[in-house]
Amino acid sequence: MVRRRGVYEVSIIGKPLVCLFCKGTTFRHREVYVKVVNHEQGVQKKKTTLQSLTCTTCAQSLKFEEQKHDGVSNIEYVQVSD
């Protein structure tokens, strides 16, 4: 797991992320790695990277799968405080 230190405003596919419960716009970050197991023989495990974002106002946790196309991520972070 990787944790970015600080508080962030986050955009997913170019749209600002807003907490579904309290409408907060700042989040703490943790990166979570998940191995998806396919039980078919000969098929490799798939590794997925989830970005876990915790609202700084109400502590609600939101998770998004990070995808990169041509080296550009679908998730953007702007640090707003330490």
N, C-alpha and C. Protein backbone atom coordinates (compact mmCIF):
# COMPACT_ATOMS: atom_id res chain seq x y z
N MET A 1 0.83 -1.18 0.00
CA MET A 1 0.00 0.00 0.00
C MET A 1 0.88 1.25 0.00
N VAL A 2 0.44 2.24 -0.71
CA VAL A 2 1.14 3.51 -0.76
C VAL A 2 0.17 4.58 -0.28
N ARG A 3 0.66 5.47 0.55
CA ARG A 3 -0.18 6.55 1.05
C ARG A 3 0.46 7.87 0.67
N ARG A 4 -0.30 8.73 0.01
CA ARG A 4 0.16 10.08 -0.27
C ARG A 4 -0.11 10.90 0.97
N ARG A 5 0.87 11.62 1.44
CA ARG A 5 0.69 12.46 2.62
C ARG A 5 0.01 13.75 2.20
N GLY A 6 -0.87 14.23 3.06
CA GLY A 6 -1.53 15.50 2.79
C GLY A 6 -2.99 15.34 2.45
N VAL A 7 -3.60 16.46 2.11
CA VAL A 7 -5.02 16.52 1.77
C VAL A 7 -5.11 16.99 0.33
N TYR A 8 -6.00 16.37 -0.45
CA TYR A 8 -6.08 16.61 -1.88
C TYR A 8 -7.48 16.97 -2.34
N GLU A 9 -7.54 17.76 -3.39
CA GLU A 9 -8.74 17.89 -4.20
C GLU A 9 -8.49 16.98 -5.39
N VAL A 10 -9.50 16.19 -5.76
CA VAL A 10 -9.30 15.14 -6.75
C VAL A 10 -10.26 15.33 -7.91
N SER A 11 -9.75 15.05 -9.11
CA SER A 11 -10.59 15.04 -10.31
C SER A 11 -10.52 13.66 -10.93
N ILE A 12 -11.69 13.12 -11.30
CA ILE A 12 -11.77 11.83 -11.96
C ILE A 12 -12.27 12.11 -13.38
N ILE A 13 -11.49 11.72 -14.36
CA ILE A 13 -11.81 11.98 -15.77
C ILE A 13 -12.17 13.45 -15.98
N GLY A 14 -11.41 14.34 -15.35
CA GLY A 14 -11.59 15.77 -15.55
C GLY A 14 -12.72 16.42 -14.78
N LYS A 15 -13.44 15.65 -13.95
CA LYS A 15 -14.55 16.22 -13.16
C LYS A 15 -14.17 16.20 -11.68
N PRO A 16 -14.40 17.32 -10.96
CA PRO A 16 -14.06 17.37 -9.53
C PRO A 16 -14.85 16.34 -8.73
N LEU A 17 -14.15 15.65 -7.83
CA LEU A 17 -14.79 14.67 -6.97
C LEU A 17 -15.43 15.36 -5.78
N VAL A 18 -16.69 14.99 -5.48
CA VAL A 18 -17.43 15.54 -4.35
C VAL A 18 -17.95 14.35 -3.55
N CYS A 19 -17.82 14.40 -2.22
CA CYS A 19 -18.32 13.33 -1.35
C CYS A 19 -19.83 13.19 -1.53
N LEU A 20 -20.28 11.96 -1.67
CA LEU A 20 -21.70 11.70 -1.88
C LEU A 20 -22.56 11.98 -0.65
N PHE A 21 -21.94 11.99 0.54
CA PHE A 21 -22.70 12.13 1.77
C PHE A 21 -22.74 13.56 2.31
N CYS A 22 -21.58 14.24 2.28
CA CYS A 22 -21.53 15.56 2.91
C CYS A 22 -21.17 16.68 1.94
N LYS A 23 -20.93 16.33 0.68
CA LYS A 23 -20.54 17.28 -0.37
C LYS A 23 -19.15 17.89 -0.14
N GLY A 24 -18.33 17.23 0.69
CA GLY A 24 -16.97 17.68 0.91
C GLY A 24 -16.13 17.52 -0.35
N THR A 25 -15.09 18.32 -0.49
CA THR A 25 -14.26 18.28 -1.70
C THR A 25 -12.79 17.98 -1.43
N THR A 26 -12.42 17.68 -0.17
CA THR A 26 -11.03 17.35 0.14
C THR A 26 -10.94 15.94 0.70
N PHE A 27 -9.86 15.24 0.31
CA PHE A 27 -9.74 13.82 0.61
C PHE A 27 -8.32 13.47 1.01
N ARG A 28 -8.19 12.44 1.85
CA ARG A 28 -6.91 11.80 2.13
C ARG A 28 -6.82 10.60 1.20
N HIS A 29 -5.59 10.16 0.91
CA HIS A 29 -5.38 9.15 -0.13
C HIS A 29 -4.64 7.92 0.39
N ARG A 30 -5.04 6.76 -0.15
CA ARG A 30 -4.29 5.51 0.07
C ARG A 30 -4.44 4.68 -1.20
N GLU A 31 -3.36 4.09 -1.63
CA GLU A 31 -3.39 3.25 -2.83
C GLU A 31 -3.43 1.80 -2.39
N VAL A 32 -4.36 1.03 -2.93
CA VAL A 32 -4.57 -0.36 -2.53
C VAL A 32 -4.38 -1.26 -3.75
N TYR A 33 -3.61 -2.33 -3.57
CA TYR A 33 -3.38 -3.27 -4.66
C TYR A 33 -4.22 -4.52 -4.43
N VAL A 34 -4.91 -4.97 -5.47
CA VAL A 34 -5.79 -6.13 -5.37
C VAL A 34 -5.42 -7.11 -6.48
N LYS A 35 -5.29 -8.38 -6.13
CA LYS A 35 -5.09 -9.41 -7.15
C LYS A 35 -6.42 -10.09 -7.40
N VAL A 36 -6.87 -10.06 -8.63
CA VAL A 36 -8.12 -10.69 -9.01
C VAL A 36 -7.78 -12.09 -9.52
N VAL A 37 -8.36 -13.10 -8.89
CA VAL A 37 -8.05 -14.48 -9.23
C VAL A 37 -9.14 -15.02 -10.15
N ASN A 38 -8.71 -15.54 -11.28
CA ASN A 38 -9.61 -16.23 -12.19
C ASN A 38 -9.36 -17.71 -11.99
N HIS A 39 -10.37 -18.49 -11.75
CA HIS A 39 -10.18 -19.90 -11.41
C HIS A 39 -10.08 -20.81 -12.63
N GLU A 40 -9.94 -20.22 -13.81
CA GLU A 40 -9.71 -21.02 -15.00
C GLU A 40 -8.24 -21.37 -15.09
N GLN A 41 -7.94 -22.59 -15.46
CA GLN A 41 -6.55 -23.00 -15.57
C GLN A 41 -5.88 -22.26 -16.72
N GLY A 42 -4.64 -21.86 -16.50
CA GLY A 42 -3.86 -21.20 -17.54
C GLY A 42 -4.10 -19.71 -17.65
N VAL A 43 -5.05 -19.16 -16.89
CA VAL A 43 -5.33 -17.73 -16.93
C VAL A 43 -4.61 -17.07 -15.77
N GLN A 44 -3.83 -16.03 -16.05
CA GLN A 44 -3.04 -15.37 -15.02
C GLN A 44 -3.91 -14.49 -14.12
N LYS A 45 -3.39 -14.26 -12.92
CA LYS A 45 -4.04 -13.34 -12.00
C LYS A 45 -3.91 -11.93 -12.56
N LYS A 46 -4.93 -11.12 -12.37
CA LYS A 46 -4.91 -9.74 -12.81
C LYS A 46 -4.68 -8.85 -11.60
N LYS A 47 -3.77 -7.89 -11.73
CA LYS A 47 -3.51 -6.97 -10.63
C LYS A 47 -4.24 -5.66 -10.92
N THR A 48 -5.03 -5.21 -9.97
CA THR A 48 -5.79 -3.97 -10.10
C THR A 48 -5.30 -2.99 -9.04
N THR A 49 -5.20 -1.73 -9.40
CA THR A 49 -4.82 -0.69 -8.46
C THR A 49 -6.04 0.16 -8.15
N LEU A 50 -6.44 0.18 -6.88
CA LEU A 50 -7.56 1.01 -6.45
C LEU A 50 -7.03 2.20 -5.67
N GLN A 51 -7.62 3.36 -5.90
CA GLN A 51 -7.29 4.55 -5.15
C GLN A 51 -8.39 4.74 -4.12
N SER A 52 -8.04 4.62 -2.85
CA SER A 52 -8.99 4.79 -1.76
C SER A 52 -8.89 6.23 -1.27
N LEU A 53 -9.99 6.96 -1.35
CA LEU A 53 -10.02 8.36 -0.97
C LEU A 53 -10.99 8.52 0.20
N THR A 54 -10.51 9.11 1.29
CA THR A 54 -11.32 9.29 2.49
C THR A 54 -11.64 10.77 2.66
N CYS A 55 -12.92 11.09 2.73
CA CYS A 55 -13.36 12.47 2.89
C CYS A 55 -12.84 13.02 4.22
N THR A 56 -12.27 14.22 4.19
CA THR A 56 -11.73 14.82 5.41
C THR A 56 -12.83 15.37 6.31
N THR A 57 -14.03 15.54 5.79
CA THR A 57 -15.14 16.08 6.59
C THR A 57 -15.90 14.99 7.33
N CYS A 58 -16.32 13.93 6.60
CA CYS A 58 -17.18 12.92 7.22
C CYS A 58 -16.54 11.52 7.31
N ALA A 59 -15.33 11.36 6.77
CA ALA A 59 -14.57 10.10 6.81
C ALA A 59 -15.17 9.00 5.95
N GLN A 60 -16.05 9.33 5.03
CA GLN A 60 -16.59 8.34 4.09
C GLN A 60 -15.48 7.94 3.12
N SER A 61 -15.37 6.66 2.83
CA SER A 61 -14.33 6.16 1.95
C SER A 61 -14.90 5.87 0.57
N LEU A 62 -14.20 6.34 -0.47
CA LEU A 62 -14.58 6.10 -1.86
C LEU A 62 -13.41 5.43 -2.54
N LYS A 63 -13.68 4.46 -3.43
CA LYS A 63 -12.61 3.75 -4.12
C LYS A 63 -12.82 3.85 -5.63
N PHE A 64 -11.71 4.08 -6.34
CA PHE A 64 -11.75 4.19 -7.79
C PHE A 64 -10.60 3.39 -8.36
N GLU A 65 -10.84 2.74 -9.49
CA GLU A 65 -9.77 2.02 -10.18
C GLU A 65 -8.99 3.01 -11.03
N GLU A 66 -7.68 3.02 -10.85
CA GLU A 66 -6.84 3.90 -11.65
C GLU A 66 -6.53 3.23 -12.98
N GLN A 67 -6.74 3.95 -14.06
CA GLN A 67 -6.43 3.46 -15.39
C GLN A 67 -5.56 4.49 -16.09
N LYS A 68 -4.55 4.00 -16.80
CA LYS A 68 -3.66 4.91 -17.53
C LYS A 68 -3.74 4.59 -19.01
N HIS A 69 -3.87 5.64 -19.80
CA HIS A 69 -3.87 5.52 -21.25
C HIS A 69 -2.81 6.46 -21.78
N ASP A 70 -1.85 5.92 -22.52
CA ASP A 70 -0.72 6.70 -23.05
C ASP A 70 0.02 7.44 -21.94
N GLY A 71 0.12 6.81 -20.75
CA GLY A 71 0.84 7.39 -19.63
C GLY A 71 0.08 8.44 -18.85
N VAL A 72 -1.18 8.70 -19.22
CA VAL A 72 -2.00 9.70 -18.53
C VAL A 72 -3.05 8.99 -17.68
N SER A 73 -3.09 9.33 -16.40
CA SER A 73 -4.03 8.70 -15.46
C SER A 73 -5.41 9.35 -15.56
N ASN A 74 -6.44 8.57 -15.23
CA ASN A 74 -7.81 9.10 -15.19
C ASN A 74 -8.08 9.85 -13.89
N ILE A 75 -7.12 9.84 -12.96
CA ILE A 75 -7.29 10.50 -11.66
C ILE A 75 -6.20 11.57 -11.51
N GLU A 76 -6.62 12.79 -11.16
CA GLU A 76 -5.67 13.89 -10.93
C GLU A 76 -5.79 14.35 -9.49
N TYR A 77 -4.63 14.64 -8.87
CA TYR A 77 -4.58 15.09 -7.49
C TYR A 77 -3.98 16.48 -7.42
N VAL A 78 -4.59 17.35 -6.62
CA VAL A 78 -4.03 18.67 -6.33
C VAL A 78 -3.93 18.78 -4.81
N GLN A 79 -2.71 18.86 -4.29
CA GLN A 79 -2.52 18.93 -2.84
C GLN A 79 -2.92 20.31 -2.35
N VAL A 80 -3.81 20.35 -1.33
CA VAL A 80 -4.29 21.62 -0.79
C VAL A 80 -3.75 21.92 0.60
N SER A 81 -3.26 20.89 1.32
CA SER A 81 -2.62 21.11 2.63
C SER A 81 -1.84 19.87 3.02
N ASP A 82 -1.04 20.00 4.07
CA ASP A 82 -0.21 18.89 4.55
C ASP A 82 -0.97 17.91 5.38
